[in-house]
Amino acid sequence: MNEVKTDEFLEFLDKNRDRVWVFLDTETLGFNPMKHQMTEVTAKAVRFNGKKFEEVSSYHEKAQLLSVTRLRMGRPFRGKGMSYRDIMKMTNYGERTPRGYIEEDIVLGELYDFLYQFDDPILVAHNSPFDIKYLNARHNVYFENKNPYDDYEVLDTLKVMKKYFTALVVTEARRYKHRWLTDRETEHILEMRRIRKSLQRKKKKRMSLKLGNVADSLGINSDGWHSAKFDVETLISTTEAMMKLFKENSGKSLLPERHFL
């Protein structure tokens, strides 16, 4: 029945505990990297001490609007989805930063240099294919070395959650509260049921794994969601909480969420 165990991820964590992990996030003005510029990037380098991630160094900057972006903003918005102004409001574009807003090519060059200082780091992002694709494409606009982010090992926390986190939650939430269970076991089952209910937005059976939703379900503040700097901090805290759950439930055989739909 394609059972999974959180031990698989814990083994990956232990195997790579001596490496630098770089949690990163980008904010952009759309989904097409050839059309929409990047407006913000955050990268935080950490090491795992056995319980949590400890910061090594970090990089965070916001990019100036390109002339083509300003030109598009001067025209009436008639497209689908969110306008540039809506996205900028959602991502706190316009807030004050220590260096002010700098050119996108400088941001990309500095990010490249920031990552290059580490020996064989693991890049960590939520829905990482989007961020890696965007960083590569925007980097290629300005520099001759193409697709530099393909050289890194990347861990997608969304995939980790889909495979292990949802399997843990739905399997444990379906356990019966037998009277011979300890109070701790009963509380655990109730907590898994609470998390499952929290993630099943709008009465849908499948759980939503958007970062803000998962953070909320684990009791992590996500009020600043959609700002790259805040999202990286939220992702680190969420990953730590998830790993704690995995350790507490190691050795258990779990069934993927689809078996319960």
Protein backbone atom coordinates (compact mmCIF):
# COMPACT_ATOMS: atom_id res chain seq x y z
CA MET A 1 0.00 0.00 0.00
CA ASN A 2 3.03 2.31 -0.45
CA GLU A 3 3.61 2.91 3.24
CA VAL A 4 6.09 5.63 4.20
CA LYS A 5 8.06 6.39 7.34
CA THR A 6 9.28 9.73 8.60
CA ASP A 7 12.56 7.96 9.42
CA GLU A 8 13.48 8.38 5.75
CA PHE A 9 13.59 12.15 6.09
CA LEU A 10 15.26 11.98 9.50
CA GLU A 11 18.01 9.86 7.94
CA PHE A 12 18.47 12.49 5.22
CA LEU A 13 18.69 15.16 7.91
CA ASP A 14 21.28 13.23 9.90
CA LYS A 15 23.31 12.42 6.79
CA ASN A 16 23.53 16.12 5.87
CA ARG A 17 23.74 17.71 9.31
CA ASP A 18 27.31 18.95 8.74
CA ARG A 19 26.37 20.84 5.58
CA VAL A 20 25.13 24.42 5.36
CA TRP A 21 21.42 24.65 4.56
CA VAL A 22 20.30 27.85 2.85
CA PHE A 23 16.61 28.62 3.24
CA LEU A 24 15.54 31.01 0.50
CA ASP A 25 12.50 32.72 -0.91
CA THR A 26 11.77 35.16 -3.72
CA GLU A 27 8.99 37.64 -4.38
CA THR A 28 8.11 38.39 -7.99
CA LEU A 29 5.53 40.38 -9.94
CA GLY A 30 4.13 37.33 -11.72
CA PHE A 31 4.74 33.75 -12.77
CA ASN A 32 6.62 34.37 -16.03
CA PRO A 33 10.29 35.14 -15.30
CA MET A 34 10.85 36.46 -18.82
CA LYS A 35 8.12 39.04 -18.33
CA HIS A 36 7.87 39.81 -14.63
CA GLN A 37 10.83 40.97 -12.57
CA MET A 38 11.93 39.75 -9.15
CA THR A 39 11.30 42.28 -6.37
CA GLU A 40 12.76 40.65 -3.27
CA VAL A 41 15.01 37.78 -2.21
CA THR A 42 16.03 36.38 1.14
CA ALA A 43 18.58 33.66 1.81
CA LYS A 44 19.46 32.49 5.32
CA ALA A 45 22.37 30.09 5.80
CA VAL A 46 22.04 27.78 8.81
CA ARG A 47 23.49 24.65 10.37
CA PHE A 48 21.48 21.97 12.19
CA ASN A 49 22.60 21.45 15.80
CA GLY A 50 20.52 18.32 16.35
CA LYS A 51 17.42 20.19 17.52
CA LYS A 52 17.13 23.38 15.52
CA PHE A 53 18.80 25.45 12.83
CA GLU A 54 21.41 27.99 13.91
CA GLU A 55 22.10 30.99 11.70
CA VAL A 56 25.46 31.28 9.95
CA SER A 57 24.74 34.38 7.86
CA SER A 58 21.95 35.85 5.75
CA TYR A 59 21.20 37.99 2.72
CA HIS A 60 18.09 40.11 2.12
CA GLU A 61 17.44 42.86 -0.41
CA LYS A 62 14.61 44.38 -2.40
CA ALA A 63 14.99 45.35 -6.05
CA GLN A 64 14.10 48.61 -7.74
CA LEU A 65 11.31 48.58 -10.30
CA LEU A 66 12.56 48.30 -13.86
CA SER A 67 11.52 50.91 -16.40
CA VAL A 68 9.42 48.30 -18.24
CA THR A 69 7.64 47.50 -14.96
CA ARG A 70 6.85 51.17 -14.37
CA LEU A 71 5.61 51.44 -17.95
CA ARG A 72 3.19 48.56 -17.45
CA MET A 73 2.00 50.04 -14.16
CA GLY A 74 1.11 53.24 -15.99
CA ARG A 75 -1.40 51.39 -18.13
CA PRO A 76 -4.90 50.32 -17.00
CA PHE A 77 -4.87 46.77 -15.63
CA ARG A 78 -7.20 44.49 -17.59
CA GLY A 79 -5.63 41.10 -16.99
CA LYS A 80 -6.69 38.19 -14.80
CA GLY A 81 -5.49 37.75 -11.25
CA MET A 82 -3.63 40.39 -9.29
CA SER A 83 -2.22 43.62 -10.68
CA TYR A 84 1.36 44.72 -10.02
CA ARG A 85 0.09 47.16 -7.41
CA ASP A 86 -1.89 44.41 -5.65
CA ILE A 87 1.15 42.13 -5.56
CA MET A 88 3.38 44.92 -4.29
CA LYS A 89 0.93 45.68 -1.49
CA MET A 90 0.69 41.99 -0.53
CA THR A 91 4.49 41.60 -0.43
CA ASN A 92 5.14 44.83 1.51
CA TYR A 93 6.95 46.43 -1.40
CA GLY A 94 7.74 50.00 -0.40
CA GLU A 95 8.80 49.32 3.18
CA ARG A 96 12.08 50.88 4.27
CA THR A 97 15.23 48.77 4.01
CA PRO A 98 18.77 49.45 5.32
CA ARG A 99 20.29 49.90 1.85
CA GLY A 100 17.22 51.17 0.09
CA TYR A 101 16.03 49.50 -3.11
CA ILE A 102 18.84 48.43 -5.44
CA GLU A 103 19.01 47.31 -9.07
CA GLU A 104 17.77 43.78 -9.79
CA ASP A 105 21.06 42.75 -11.43
CA ILE A 106 22.99 43.81 -8.30
CA VAL A 107 20.64 41.79 -6.09
CA LEU A 108 21.10 38.72 -8.28
CA GLY A 109 24.88 39.14 -8.40
CA GLU A 110 25.14 39.52 -4.65
CA LEU A 111 22.92 36.50 -4.04
CA TYR A 112 25.13 34.44 -6.36
CA ASP A 113 28.23 35.55 -4.43
CA PHE A 114 26.51 34.87 -1.09
CA LEU A 115 25.81 31.25 -2.04
CA TYR A 116 29.21 30.74 -3.67
CA GLN A 117 31.00 31.26 -0.34
CA PHE A 118 29.62 27.98 1.03
CA ASP A 119 31.02 24.57 0.17
CA ASP A 120 28.25 22.33 -1.21
CA PRO A 121 25.21 23.93 0.50
CA ILE A 122 21.68 22.57 0.30
CA LEU A 123 19.14 25.10 -0.94
CA VAL A 124 15.78 24.82 0.83
CA ALA A 125 12.56 26.41 -0.42
CA HIS A 126 8.83 25.80 -0.33
CA ASN A 127 7.77 24.84 -3.86
CA SER A 128 11.42 25.18 -4.84
CA PRO A 129 10.97 24.60 -8.62
CA PHE A 130 9.34 28.04 -8.85
CA ASP A 131 12.14 29.86 -7.01
CA ILE A 132 14.96 28.02 -8.80
CA LYS A 133 13.37 28.57 -12.21
CA TYR A 134 12.87 32.26 -11.49
CA LEU A 135 16.36 32.82 -10.12
CA ASN A 136 17.94 31.06 -13.09
CA ALA A 137 15.85 32.98 -15.63
CA ARG A 138 16.42 36.40 -14.08
CA HIS A 139 20.14 35.65 -13.62
CA ASN A 140 20.36 34.72 -17.31
CA VAL A 141 19.01 38.14 -18.29
CA TYR A 142 22.08 39.87 -16.87
CA PHE A 143 24.97 37.39 -16.71
CA GLU A 144 26.83 35.05 -19.05
CA ASN A 145 27.01 32.01 -16.75
CA LYS A 146 23.65 30.39 -17.35
CA ASN A 147 21.39 28.56 -14.88
CA PRO A 148 23.85 28.62 -11.94
CA TYR A 149 21.22 27.39 -9.49
CA ASP A 150 21.05 24.03 -11.26
CA ASP A 151 24.45 23.28 -9.71
CA TYR A 152 22.99 23.04 -6.20
CA GLU A 153 21.20 20.26 -4.40
CA VAL A 154 17.71 21.52 -3.61
CA LEU A 155 15.29 20.38 -0.94
CA ASP A 156 11.64 21.17 -1.62
CA THR A 157 9.78 21.36 1.70
CA LEU A 158 6.47 21.16 -0.16
CA LYS A 159 7.41 17.70 -1.45
CA VAL A 160 8.54 16.67 2.04
CA MET A 161 5.18 17.75 3.45
CA LYS A 162 3.23 15.98 0.72
CA LYS A 163 5.06 12.70 1.30
CA TYR A 164 5.60 12.61 5.06
CA PHE A 165 3.69 15.35 6.89
CA THR A 166 0.25 14.65 5.42
CA ALA A 167 0.77 10.90 5.81
CA LEU A 168 1.62 11.39 9.49
CA VAL A 169 -1.34 13.66 10.15
CA VAL A 170 -4.03 11.60 8.43
CA THR A 171 -2.76 8.25 9.74
CA GLU A 172 -2.55 9.40 13.34
CA ALA A 173 -5.80 11.40 13.17
CA ARG A 174 -7.69 8.24 12.22
CA ARG A 175 -6.54 6.30 15.28
CA TYR A 176 -9.21 5.47 17.84
CA LYS A 177 -9.03 6.95 21.32
CA HIS A 178 -9.14 3.63 23.20
CA ARG A 179 -9.54 3.93 26.94
CA TRP A 180 -6.28 2.04 27.53
CA LEU A 181 -4.23 4.68 25.72
CA THR A 182 -2.11 7.01 27.85
CA ASP A 183 -3.18 10.63 28.22
CA ARG A 184 -0.20 11.63 26.08
CA GLU A 185 -1.27 9.32 23.24
CA THR A 186 -4.83 10.60 23.41
CA GLU A 187 -3.63 14.20 23.30
CA HIS A 188 -1.46 13.34 20.29
CA ILE A 189 -4.44 11.92 18.38
CA LEU A 190 -6.52 15.00 19.18
CA GLU A 191 -3.67 17.27 18.07
CA MET A 192 -3.37 15.45 14.73
CA ARG A 193 -7.12 15.80 14.24
CA ARG A 194 -6.86 19.51 14.96
CA ILE A 195 -4.04 19.95 12.46
CA ARG A 196 -5.93 17.98 9.81
CA LYS A 197 -9.04 20.08 10.30
CA SER A 198 -6.99 23.29 10.21
CA LEU A 199 -5.47 22.33 6.86
CA GLN A 200 -8.71 21.22 5.24
CA ARG A 201 -9.77 24.67 4.12
CA LYS A 202 -13.29 25.31 2.78
CA LYS A 203 -14.40 21.79 3.78
CA LYS A 204 -12.10 20.18 1.20
CA LYS A 205 -10.80 16.72 2.06
CA ARG A 206 -7.27 17.29 0.77
CA MET A 207 -5.07 19.34 3.05
CA SER A 208 -3.71 22.70 1.90
CA LEU A 209 0.08 22.85 2.19
CA LYS A 210 0.58 26.54 1.50
CA LEU A 211 3.28 27.72 3.87
CA GLY A 212 1.03 30.09 5.79
CA ASN A 213 -1.60 27.39 6.30
CA VAL A 214 0.89 24.81 7.58
CA ALA A 215 2.51 27.37 9.87
CA ASP A 216 -0.85 28.34 11.35
CA SER A 217 -1.76 24.68 11.94
CA LEU A 218 1.49 24.21 13.90
CA GLY A 219 0.96 27.32 16.00
CA ILE A 220 3.56 29.43 14.17
CA ASN A 221 2.81 33.09 13.50
CA SER A 222 2.33 33.70 9.76
CA ASP A 223 0.95 37.26 9.85
CA GLY A 224 3.76 38.51 7.60
CA TRP A 225 3.28 35.79 5.01
CA HIS A 226 4.24 36.81 1.43
CA SER A 227 7.23 38.89 2.44
CA ALA A 228 10.38 36.95 1.46
CA LYS A 229 12.21 37.78 4.68
CA PHE A 230 9.29 36.72 6.85
CA ASP A 231 8.57 33.64 4.72
CA VAL A 232 12.11 32.34 5.21
CA GLU A 233 11.83 32.70 8.99
CA THR A 234 8.42 31.02 8.87
CA LEU A 235 9.75 28.18 6.73
CA ILE A 236 12.63 27.54 9.13
CA SER A 237 10.29 27.47 12.15
CA THR A 238 7.79 25.26 10.31
CA THR A 239 10.51 22.84 9.23
CA GLU A 240 11.80 22.61 12.81
CA ALA A 241 8.27 21.90 14.11
CA MET A 242 7.75 19.30 11.42
CA MET A 243 11.05 17.56 12.24
CA LYS A 244 10.08 17.44 15.91
CA LEU A 245 6.85 15.67 14.96
CA PHE A 246 8.78 13.27 12.76
CA LYS A 247 11.16 12.38 15.61
CA GLU A 248 8.31 11.87 18.07
CA ASN A 249 6.63 9.49 15.61
CA SER A 250 9.65 7.71 14.17
CA GLY A 251 9.33 4.03 13.34
CA LYS A 252 5.64 4.23 12.50
CA SER A 253 4.26 2.99 9.19
CA LEU A 254 2.15 5.72 7.62
CA LEU A 255 -0.27 5.80 4.71
CA PRO A 256 -0.26 8.62 2.15
CA GLU A 257 -3.19 11.03 2.28
CA ARG A 258 -4.69 9.65 -0.96
CA HIS A 259 -5.54 6.36 0.80
CA PHE A 260 -8.04 8.21 2.98
CA LEU A 261 -9.75 10.37 0.32
